[in-house]
Every structure is written in C-alpha cells, then in structure tokens.
C-alpha cells in the first residue's frame, strides 16, 4: 500500500463542494471514481479542507492509499485523462510517508477572495468572482480587517452548521488590496470555521461601501452572535490557495 499526495486545482461551480454528498456531485467523488477506473480500487481521498458548493481551489492538497504499483507521474497523467471533461486537474502527485495526512498534518491554510468591483455584468469571470457594483474603499477595508487578526472568538462569523468544537481561532493574516477593478482579500490561519472567510469578506464589503466603520466590524466580532453579521459573501469569489505542512 502506498500513500500518494496530490495537488489539485478545480472549478467548484458544478459541484456541491469537496465532500461526497448524497444529493449531487462533489470533487471528492470525481477523483475517487477516477482512481477506481485507473487502479480498480476503492480509495478514499482525504483533503486539507472541505470547500463549500461553488468554491474553487488553486492548489488543494489531498491524499489516498493505493495498492497498485504505479509511478506518481503515471498516476497523475492517468487520473487527469480519466477526469476529463470534469473541471478538476491533478497538478502534482508524489509518494509520502504512511503517517502523512492531508488534513491532520496541515499546519496552515490560505484562501483568496476576489471581488470584481464594477457595474457591468461578468462574462469571462462569471462564477469566478463576486460582482459588487458600489465603489469599494480597499484601504478602509484593509485597516478594518486588522481588527480581526489574532486570537478571537469568531462566533459571529461562524455558520450555524459549523462542526468545529470551538469558535476560538487565531487568524494570522487578513489583507485587502486593489488591483485595477478587483479587490482581493487574502486570509491565512491554521484552520478556519465554516463560512468564516466568506462572512469576514461580507462585513469588509460593508466597510468598503461606507455602510460600516472599523468600529462596527469590531462590535460585530465582540457580539459573538451570528445575528450581528452584515453579510455572508457568496461562494464563487472564494479560492483555496495553499495548504502548509511542517
């Protein structure tokens, strides 16, 4: 039995999320079925994170245990051939130690959120960014975002369906900047609560529109109440960027 680690890119638009679902297609299912066709084995693919429906990944990390003797490069090529035309690509494949785990060995995760700050409808970026027509002050958003960095109880920014044992998390980074008509938000932490990034982005958008100030964001954090949330940003602008390991 060999443990293979994968680096995966996917467009989350047609999927119910990463995890297998009983009511629709998932990224996990697509890859597991591709492995079955290549190896004849039933393998479970474990990922560094569980993305929601519509969320994308630039470099998700995952692993699976496979009995078939196969070179990592050949496995990657075979899986990509089997995955077509699914919008999922294996960018890298390598063998790892038996105790390496894509989720439990991960010590950090990074996400990027993309806002298209324009009035015109999205064409090339449809389902790839959140269109916000109101002008956004990215500098004000960044300044306010620093109120959320550090160790906090993020109950306000936590989905009611979150399965994490505690709402207390340490947010290592939350940066906002503008590139042309795009406002980008980068978030990094060891782990995140369900919907935490999208909820933070929604509140920062309120700051950027001038509807909230930094003090309002601070008050929402300190309320520790989901009812204090301004807005939960839609999934299509969110990208899983990187998983970090020791």
C-alpha atoms as a PDB file:
ATOM      1  CA  UNK A   1       0.000   0.000   0.000  1.00  0.00           C
ATOM      2  CA  UNK A   2       1.409   3.396  -0.999  1.00  0.00           C
ATOM      3  CA  UNK A   3       0.176   6.787   0.161  1.00  0.00           C
ATOM      4  CA  UNK A   4       0.034   9.312  -2.667  1.00  0.00           C
ATOM      5  CA  UNK A   5      -0.260  13.058  -2.075  1.00  0.00           C
ATOM      6  CA  UNK A   6      -1.981  15.179  -4.715  1.00  0.00           C
ATOM      7  CA  UNK A   7      -2.062  18.884  -5.522  1.00  0.00           C
ATOM      8  CA  UNK A   8      -5.438  19.636  -7.091  1.00  0.00           C
ATOM      9  CA  UNK A   9      -6.949  22.540  -8.994  1.00  0.00           C
ATOM     10  CA  UNK A  10     -10.687  22.714  -9.531  1.00  0.00           C
ATOM     11  CA  UNK A  11     -13.556  24.920 -10.577  1.00  0.00           C
ATOM     12  CA  UNK A  12     -16.164  24.423  -7.880  1.00  0.00           C
ATOM     13  CA  UNK A  13     -19.094  25.754  -9.935  1.00  0.00           C
ATOM     14  CA  UNK A  14     -20.738  22.404 -10.852  1.00  0.00           C
ATOM     15  CA  UNK A  15     -20.089  20.708  -7.508  1.00  0.00           C
ATOM     16  CA  UNK A  16     -21.833  20.545  -4.150  1.00  0.00           C
ATOM     17  CA  UNK A  17     -18.421  21.101  -2.566  1.00  0.00           C
ATOM     18  CA  UNK A  18     -15.371  18.955  -1.921  1.00  0.00           C
ATOM     19  CA  UNK A  19     -17.023  16.295   0.231  1.00  0.00           C
ATOM     20  CA  UNK A  20     -19.159  13.475  -1.158  1.00  0.00           C
ATOM     21  CA  UNK A  21     -22.861  14.310  -0.987  1.00  0.00           C
ATOM     22  CA  UNK A  22     -25.938  12.206  -1.387  1.00  0.00           C
ATOM     23  CA  UNK A  23     -27.736  14.908  -3.358  1.00  0.00           C
ATOM     24  CA  UNK A  24     -25.229  15.993  -6.005  1.00  0.00           C
ATOM     25  CA  UNK A  25     -21.722  15.711  -7.488  1.00  0.00           C
ATOM     26  CA  UNK A  26     -18.605  16.525  -5.489  1.00  0.00           C
ATOM     27  CA  UNK A  27     -14.909  16.973  -6.230  1.00  0.00           C
ATOM     28  CA  UNK A  28     -14.032  14.082  -3.905  1.00  0.00           C
ATOM     29  CA  UNK A  29     -16.390  11.770  -5.782  1.00  0.00           C
ATOM     30  CA  UNK A  30     -14.935  12.767  -9.178  1.00  0.00           C
ATOM     31  CA  UNK A  31     -11.376  11.962  -8.067  1.00  0.00           C
ATOM     32  CA  UNK A  32     -12.298   8.742  -6.251  1.00  0.00           C
ATOM     33  CA  UNK A  33     -14.134   7.489  -9.333  1.00  0.00           C
ATOM     34  CA  UNK A  34     -11.116   8.356 -11.495  1.00  0.00           C
ATOM     35  CA  UNK A  35      -8.852   6.376  -9.129  1.00  0.00           C
ATOM     36  CA  UNK A  36     -11.225   3.400  -9.366  1.00  0.00           C
ATOM     37  CA  UNK A  37     -11.083   3.479 -13.163  1.00  0.00           C
ATOM     38  CA  UNK A  38      -7.267   3.679 -13.174  1.00  0.00           C
ATOM     39  CA  UNK A  39      -6.486   1.156 -10.434  1.00  0.00           C
ATOM     40  CA  UNK A  40      -9.623  -0.942  -9.991  1.00  0.00           C
ATOM     41  CA  UNK A  41      -9.539   0.006  -6.287  1.00  0.00           C
ATOM     42  CA  UNK A  42     -11.961   1.811  -3.984  1.00  0.00           C
ATOM     43  CA  UNK A  43      -9.889   4.539  -2.346  1.00  0.00           C
ATOM     44  CA  UNK A  44     -10.910   7.403  -0.070  1.00  0.00           C
ATOM     45  CA  UNK A  45      -9.373  10.774  -0.915  1.00  0.00           C
ATOM     46  CA  UNK A  46      -8.751  12.981   2.140  1.00  0.00           C
ATOM     47  CA  UNK A  47      -8.293  16.736   1.580  1.00  0.00           C
ATOM     48  CA  UNK A  48      -6.673  19.543   3.546  1.00  0.00           C
ATOM     49  CA  UNK A  49     -10.005  21.359   3.656  1.00  0.00           C
ATOM     50  CA  UNK A  50     -13.667  20.903   2.826  1.00  0.00           C
ATOM     51  CA  UNK A  51     -14.787  23.585   0.419  1.00  0.00           C
ATOM     52  CA  UNK A  52     -18.433  24.584   0.022  1.00  0.00           C
ATOM     53  CA  UNK A  53     -20.504  24.393  -3.141  1.00  0.00           C
ATOM     54  CA  UNK A  54     -19.199  26.847  -5.727  1.00  0.00           C
ATOM     55  CA  UNK A  55     -15.825  27.410  -4.023  1.00  0.00           C
ATOM     56  CA  UNK A  56     -12.691  26.884  -6.132  1.00  0.00           C
ATOM     57  CA  UNK A  57      -9.156  25.649  -5.441  1.00  0.00           C
ATOM     58  CA  UNK A  58      -5.822  26.662  -6.933  1.00  0.00           C
ATOM     59  CA  UNK A  59      -3.779  24.069  -5.043  1.00  0.00           C
ATOM     60  CA  UNK A  60      -5.822  21.842  -2.737  1.00  0.00           C
ATOM     61  CA  UNK A  61      -3.749  19.110  -1.093  1.00  0.00           C
ATOM     62  CA  UNK A  62      -5.143  15.612  -0.657  1.00  0.00           C
ATOM     63  CA  UNK A  63      -4.016  12.011  -0.264  1.00  0.00           C
ATOM     64  CA  UNK A  64      -5.158   8.471  -0.984  1.00  0.00           C
ATOM     65  CA  UNK A  65      -3.797   4.979  -0.246  1.00  0.00           C
ATOM     66  CA  UNK A  66      -3.402   2.800  -3.329  1.00  0.00           C
ATOM     67  CA  UNK A  67      -2.241  -0.818  -3.576  1.00  0.00           C
ATOM     68  CA  UNK A  68      -1.435  -0.828  -7.295  1.00  0.00           C
ATOM     69  CA  UNK A  69       2.266  -0.347  -8.057  1.00  0.00           C
ATOM     70  CA  UNK A  70       2.357   2.791 -10.180  1.00  0.00           C
ATOM     71  CA  UNK A  71       4.745   5.694 -10.704  1.00  0.00           C
ATOM     72  CA  UNK A  72       3.403   9.020  -9.306  1.00  0.00           C
ATOM     73  CA  UNK A  73       3.773  10.781 -12.652  1.00  0.00           C
ATOM     74  CA  UNK A  74       1.944   7.992 -14.477  1.00  0.00           C
ATOM     75  CA  UNK A  75      -0.810   8.068 -11.841  1.00  0.00           C
ATOM     76  CA  UNK A  76      -1.202  11.829 -12.264  1.00  0.00           C
ATOM     77  CA  UNK A  77      -1.398  11.534 -16.044  1.00  0.00           C
ATOM     78  CA  UNK A  78      -3.870   8.659 -15.865  1.00  0.00           C
ATOM     79  CA  UNK A  79      -6.116  10.469 -13.380  1.00  0.00           C
ATOM     80  CA  UNK A  80      -6.161  13.624 -15.498  1.00  0.00           C
ATOM     81  CA  UNK A  81      -7.137  11.547 -18.525  1.00  0.00           C
ATOM     82  CA  UNK A  82      -9.982   9.944 -16.569  1.00  0.00           C
ATOM     83  CA  UNK A  83     -11.153  13.232 -15.069  1.00  0.00           C
ATOM     84  CA  UNK A  84     -11.781  14.900 -18.418  1.00  0.00           C
ATOM     85  CA  UNK A  85     -14.084  16.761 -19.042  1.00  0.00           C
ATOM     86  CA  UNK A  86     -14.593  17.443 -15.313  1.00  0.00           C
ATOM     87  CA  UNK A  87     -13.119  20.859 -14.304  1.00  0.00           C
ATOM     88  CA  UNK A  88     -10.635  19.112 -11.994  1.00  0.00           C
ATOM     89  CA  UNK A  89      -6.892  18.752 -12.606  1.00  0.00           C
ATOM     90  CA  UNK A  90      -4.162  16.941 -10.694  1.00  0.00           C
ATOM     91  CA  UNK A  91      -1.244  19.404 -10.750  1.00  0.00           C
ATOM     92  CA  UNK A  92       1.182  17.215  -8.817  1.00  0.00           C
ATOM     93  CA  UNK A  93       1.487  13.724  -7.361  1.00  0.00           C
ATOM     94  CA  UNK A  94       4.096  12.245  -5.037  1.00  0.00           C
ATOM     95  CA  UNK A  95       4.531   9.429  -2.558  1.00  0.00           C
ATOM     96  CA  UNK A  96       4.551  10.363   1.134  1.00  0.00           C
ATOM     97  CA  UNK A  97       5.057   8.632   4.463  1.00  0.00           C
ATOM     98  CA  UNK A  98       2.248   6.428   5.743  1.00  0.00           C
ATOM     99  CA  UNK A  99       1.612   8.809   8.646  1.00  0.00           C
ATOM    100  CA  UNK A 100       1.344  11.929   6.465  1.00  0.00           C
ATOM    101  CA  UNK A 101      -2.237  13.199   6.368  1.00  0.00           C
ATOM    102  CA  UNK A 102      -3.502  15.949   4.082  1.00  0.00           C
ATOM    103  CA  UNK A 103      -5.790  17.322   6.791  1.00  0.00           C
ATOM    104  CA  UNK A 104      -4.254  16.439  10.139  1.00  0.00           C
ATOM    105  CA  UNK A 105      -0.628  17.128   9.142  1.00  0.00           C
ATOM    106  CA  UNK A 106      -1.573  20.562   7.780  1.00  0.00           C
ATOM    107  CA  UNK A 107      -0.351  23.491   9.897  1.00  0.00           C
ATOM    108  CA  UNK A 108      -1.756  26.354   7.832  1.00  0.00           C
ATOM    109  CA  UNK A 109      -4.293  27.194   5.150  1.00  0.00           C
ATOM    110  CA  UNK A 110      -4.591  30.198   2.863  1.00  0.00           C
ATOM    111  CA  UNK A 111      -7.631  31.488   1.000  1.00  0.00           C
ATOM    112  CA  UNK A 112      -8.107  34.268  -1.541  1.00  0.00           C
ATOM    113  CA  UNK A 113     -11.374  36.088  -2.175  1.00  0.00           C
ATOM    114  CA  UNK A 114     -11.874  38.000  -5.436  1.00  0.00           C
ATOM    115  CA  UNK A 115     -14.334  40.868  -5.774  1.00  0.00           C
ATOM    116  CA  UNK A 116     -14.986  42.349  -9.221  1.00  0.00           C
ATOM    117  CA  UNK A 117     -15.758  45.950  -8.317  1.00  0.00           C
ATOM    118  CA  UNK A 118     -17.645  47.079 -11.409  1.00  0.00           C
ATOM    119  CA  UNK A 119     -21.162  47.761 -12.638  1.00  0.00           C
ATOM    120  CA  UNK A 120     -21.019  45.748 -15.865  1.00  0.00           C
ATOM    121  CA  UNK A 121     -22.074  42.085 -15.741  1.00  0.00           C
ATOM    122  CA  UNK A 122     -19.329  39.485 -15.508  1.00  0.00           C
ATOM    123  CA  UNK A 123     -18.643  37.484 -18.655  1.00  0.00           C
ATOM    124  CA  UNK A 124     -15.189  35.883 -18.503  1.00  0.00           C
ATOM    125  CA  UNK A 125     -15.330  35.927 -14.707  1.00  0.00           C
ATOM    126  CA  UNK A 126     -18.862  34.634 -14.254  1.00  0.00           C
ATOM    127  CA  UNK A 127     -18.848  32.258 -11.258  1.00  0.00           C
ATOM    128  CA  UNK A 128     -15.209  33.232 -10.615  1.00  0.00           C
ATOM    129  CA  UNK A 129     -15.684  36.444  -8.599  1.00  0.00           C
ATOM    130  CA  UNK A 130     -18.303  38.352  -6.609  1.00  0.00           C
ATOM    131  CA  UNK A 131     -19.546  41.369  -8.560  1.00  0.00           C
ATOM    132  CA  UNK A 132     -20.025  44.387  -6.296  1.00  0.00           C
ATOM    133  CA  UNK A 133     -21.184  47.450  -8.279  1.00  0.00           C
ATOM    134  CA  UNK A 134     -20.801  50.006  -5.461  1.00  0.00           C
ATOM    135  CA  UNK A 135     -17.323  51.632  -5.253  1.00  0.00           C
ATOM    136  CA  UNK A 136     -15.205  49.957  -2.567  1.00  0.00           C
ATOM    137  CA  UNK A 137     -12.521  51.625  -0.455  1.00  0.00           C
ATOM    138  CA  UNK A 138      -9.916  48.860  -0.288  1.00  0.00           C
ATOM    139  CA  UNK A 139      -7.673  50.813   2.083  1.00  0.00           C
ATOM    140  CA  UNK A 140     -10.511  51.223   4.598  1.00  0.00           C
ATOM    141  CA  UNK A 141     -11.286  47.519   4.245  1.00  0.00           C
ATOM    142  CA  UNK A 142      -7.682  46.579   4.962  1.00  0.00           C
ATOM    143  CA  UNK A 143      -7.458  48.844   8.002  1.00  0.00           C
ATOM    144  CA  UNK A 144     -10.678  47.408   9.424  1.00  0.00           C
ATOM    145  CA  UNK A 145      -9.574  43.840   8.664  1.00  0.00           C
ATOM    146  CA  UNK A 146      -6.685  44.181  11.108  1.00  0.00           C
ATOM    147  CA  UNK A 147      -9.257  44.229  13.947  1.00  0.00           C
ATOM    148  CA  UNK A 148      -9.907  40.543  13.176  1.00  0.00           C
ATOM    149  CA  UNK A 149      -6.283  39.394  13.107  1.00  0.00           C
ATOM    150  CA  UNK A 150      -5.158  37.402  16.143  1.00  0.00           C
ATOM    151  CA  UNK A 151      -6.873  35.100  18.643  1.00  0.00           C
ATOM    152  CA  UNK A 152     -10.634  35.721  18.847  1.00  0.00           C
ATOM    153  CA  UNK A 153     -13.985  34.084  19.381  1.00  0.00           C
ATOM    154  CA  UNK A 154     -15.342  34.151  15.802  1.00  0.00           C
ATOM    155  CA  UNK A 155     -18.897  33.045  16.624  1.00  0.00           C
ATOM    156  CA  UNK A 156     -20.342  35.955  14.605  1.00  0.00           C
ATOM    157  CA  UNK A 157     -18.503  34.714  11.515  1.00  0.00           C
ATOM    158  CA  UNK A 158     -19.375  31.052  12.016  1.00  0.00           C
ATOM    159  CA  UNK A 159     -22.042  29.107  10.119  1.00  0.00           C
ATOM    160  CA  UNK A 160     -24.819  27.573  12.203  1.00  0.00           C
ATOM    161  CA  UNK A 161     -23.783  24.260  10.616  1.00  0.00           C
ATOM    162  CA  UNK A 162     -20.127  24.549  11.655  1.00  0.00           C
ATOM    163  CA  UNK A 163     -18.825  21.338  13.256  1.00  0.00           C
ATOM    164  CA  UNK A 164     -15.725  22.828  14.883  1.00  0.00           C
ATOM    165  CA  UNK A 165     -15.500  22.143  18.612  1.00  0.00           C
ATOM    166  CA  UNK A 166     -14.656  25.769  19.412  1.00  0.00           C
ATOM    167  CA  UNK A 167     -15.349  29.154  17.774  1.00  0.00           C
ATOM    168  CA  UNK A 168     -11.975  30.408  19.014  1.00  0.00           C
ATOM    169  CA  UNK A 169      -9.412  30.638  16.207  1.00  0.00           C
ATOM    170  CA  UNK A 170      -6.186  32.509  15.539  1.00  0.00           C
ATOM    171  CA  UNK A 171      -6.307  34.485  12.299  1.00  0.00           C
ATOM    172  CA  UNK A 172      -2.716  35.005  11.130  1.00  0.00           C
ATOM    173  CA  UNK A 173      -3.382  37.317   8.201  1.00  0.00           C
ATOM    174  CA  UNK A 174      -6.247  39.252   6.617  1.00  0.00           C
ATOM    175  CA  UNK A 175      -5.033  41.611   3.879  1.00  0.00           C
ATOM    176  CA  UNK A 176      -7.089  43.646   1.419  1.00  0.00           C
ATOM    177  CA  UNK A 177      -5.775  45.415  -1.676  1.00  0.00           C
ATOM    178  CA  UNK A 178      -6.920  46.651  -5.058  1.00  0.00           C
ATOM    179  CA  UNK A 179      -5.670  45.551  -8.472  1.00  0.00           C
ATOM    180  CA  UNK A 180      -7.481  47.556 -11.129  1.00  0.00           C
ATOM    181  CA  UNK A 181     -11.197  46.831 -10.857  1.00  0.00           C
ATOM    182  CA  UNK A 182     -10.586  43.916  -8.490  1.00  0.00           C
ATOM    183  CA  UNK A 183     -10.485  43.999  -4.699  1.00  0.00           C
ATOM    184  CA  UNK A 184      -8.612  40.997  -3.297  1.00  0.00           C
ATOM    185  CA  UNK A 185      -8.774  39.618   0.244  1.00  0.00           C
ATOM    186  CA  UNK A 186      -6.175  37.114   1.474  1.00  0.00           C
ATOM    187  CA  UNK A 187      -6.732  35.159   4.683  1.00  0.00           C
ATOM    188  CA  UNK A 188      -4.353  32.764   6.431  1.00  0.00           C
ATOM    189  CA  UNK A 189      -4.753  30.659   9.581  1.00  0.00           C
ATOM    190  CA  UNK A 190      -4.035  27.197  10.887  1.00  0.00           C
ATOM    191  CA  UNK A 191      -7.727  26.415  10.384  1.00  0.00           C
ATOM    192  CA  UNK A 192     -10.992  28.231   9.729  1.00  0.00           C
ATOM    193  CA  UNK A 193     -14.577  27.900  10.869  1.00  0.00           C
ATOM    194  CA  UNK A 194     -17.289  27.009   8.362  1.00  0.00           C
ATOM    195  CA  UNK A 195     -18.101  30.170   6.339  1.00  0.00           C
ATOM    196  CA  UNK A 196     -15.576  32.233   8.334  1.00  0.00           C
ATOM    197  CA  UNK A 197     -13.769  33.706   5.330  1.00  0.00           C
ATOM    198  CA  UNK A 198     -16.960  34.462   3.409  1.00  0.00           C
ATOM    199  CA  UNK A 199     -18.517  36.069   6.488  1.00  0.00           C
ATOM    200  CA  UNK A 200     -15.478  38.251   7.108  1.00  0.00           C
ATOM    201  CA  UNK A 201     -15.467  39.311   3.453  1.00  0.00           C
ATOM    202  CA  UNK A 202     -19.154  40.239   3.593  1.00  0.00           C
ATOM    203  CA  UNK A 203     -18.556  42.522   6.566  1.00  0.00           C
ATOM    204  CA  UNK A 204     -15.466  44.051   4.969  1.00  0.00           C
ATOM    205  CA  UNK A 205     -17.536  44.825   1.873  1.00  0.00           C
ATOM    206  CA  UNK A 206     -19.890  46.834   4.115  1.00  0.00           C
ATOM    207  CA  UNK A 207     -16.838  48.779   5.313  1.00  0.00           C
ATOM    208  CA  UNK A 208     -15.690  49.334   1.741  1.00  0.00           C
ATOM    209  CA  UNK A 209     -19.128  50.681   0.767  1.00  0.00           C
ATOM    210  CA  UNK A 210     -19.079  53.102   3.698  1.00  0.00           C
ATOM    211  CA  UNK A 211     -22.036  51.388   5.386  1.00  0.00           C
ATOM    212  CA  UNK A 212     -19.824  50.233   8.278  1.00  0.00           C
ATOM    213  CA  UNK A 213     -16.761  51.633  10.008  1.00  0.00           C
ATOM    214  CA  UNK A 214     -13.935  49.651  11.579  1.00  0.00           C
ATOM    215  CA  UNK A 215     -15.658  50.089  14.948  1.00  0.00           C
ATOM    216  CA  UNK A 216     -18.792  48.397  13.563  1.00  0.00           C
ATOM    217  CA  UNK A 217     -16.703  45.408  12.497  1.00  0.00           C
ATOM    218  CA  UNK A 218     -15.152  45.321  15.956  1.00  0.00           C
ATOM    219  CA  UNK A 219     -18.608  45.416  17.538  1.00  0.00           C
ATOM    220  CA  UNK A 220     -19.795  42.553  15.346  1.00  0.00           C
ATOM    221  CA  UNK A 221     -16.791  40.473  16.424  1.00  0.00           C
ATOM    222  CA  UNK A 222     -17.341  41.242  20.099  1.00  0.00           C
ATOM    223  CA  UNK A 223     -21.071  40.452  19.851  1.00  0.00           C
ATOM    224  CA  UNK A 224     -20.258  36.746  19.361  1.00  0.00           C
ATOM    225  CA  UNK A 225     -23.647  36.472  17.693  1.00  0.00           C
ATOM    226  CA  UNK A 226     -24.384  35.385  14.119  1.00  0.00           C
ATOM    227  CA  UNK A 227     -27.230  37.914  14.067  1.00  0.00           C
ATOM    228  CA  UNK A 228     -24.619  40.695  14.180  1.00  0.00           C
ATOM    229  CA  UNK A 229     -23.216  39.652  10.797  1.00  0.00           C
ATOM    230  CA  UNK A 230     -23.603  42.165   7.977  1.00  0.00           C
ATOM    231  CA  UNK A 231     -23.461  39.744   5.067  1.00  0.00           C
ATOM    232  CA  UNK A 232     -22.155  36.308   4.092  1.00  0.00           C
ATOM    233  CA  UNK A 233     -20.318  36.783   0.786  1.00  0.00           C
ATOM    234  CA  UNK A 234     -21.242  34.326  -1.998  1.00  0.00           C
ATOM    235  CA  UNK A 235     -19.034  31.270  -2.650  1.00  0.00           C
ATOM    236  CA  UNK A 236     -17.984  31.992  -6.226  1.00  0.00           C
ATOM    237  CA  UNK A 237     -15.299  34.502  -5.241  1.00  0.00           C
ATOM    238  CA  UNK A 238     -13.507  32.164  -2.815  1.00  0.00           C
ATOM    239  CA  UNK A 239     -10.391  30.160  -3.687  1.00  0.00           C
ATOM    240  CA  UNK A 240      -8.426  27.671  -1.581  1.00  0.00           C
ATOM    241  CA  UNK A 241      -4.876  28.800  -2.343  1.00  0.00           C
ATOM    242  CA  UNK A 242      -2.427  26.766  -0.302  1.00  0.00           C
ATOM    243  CA  UNK A 243      -2.024  24.185   2.453  1.00  0.00           C
ATOM    244  CA  UNK A 244       1.162  24.343   4.534  1.00  0.00           C
ATOM    245  CA  UNK A 245       2.989  21.439   6.165  1.00  0.00           C
ATOM    246  CA  UNK A 246       5.992  21.170   8.511  1.00  0.00           C
END
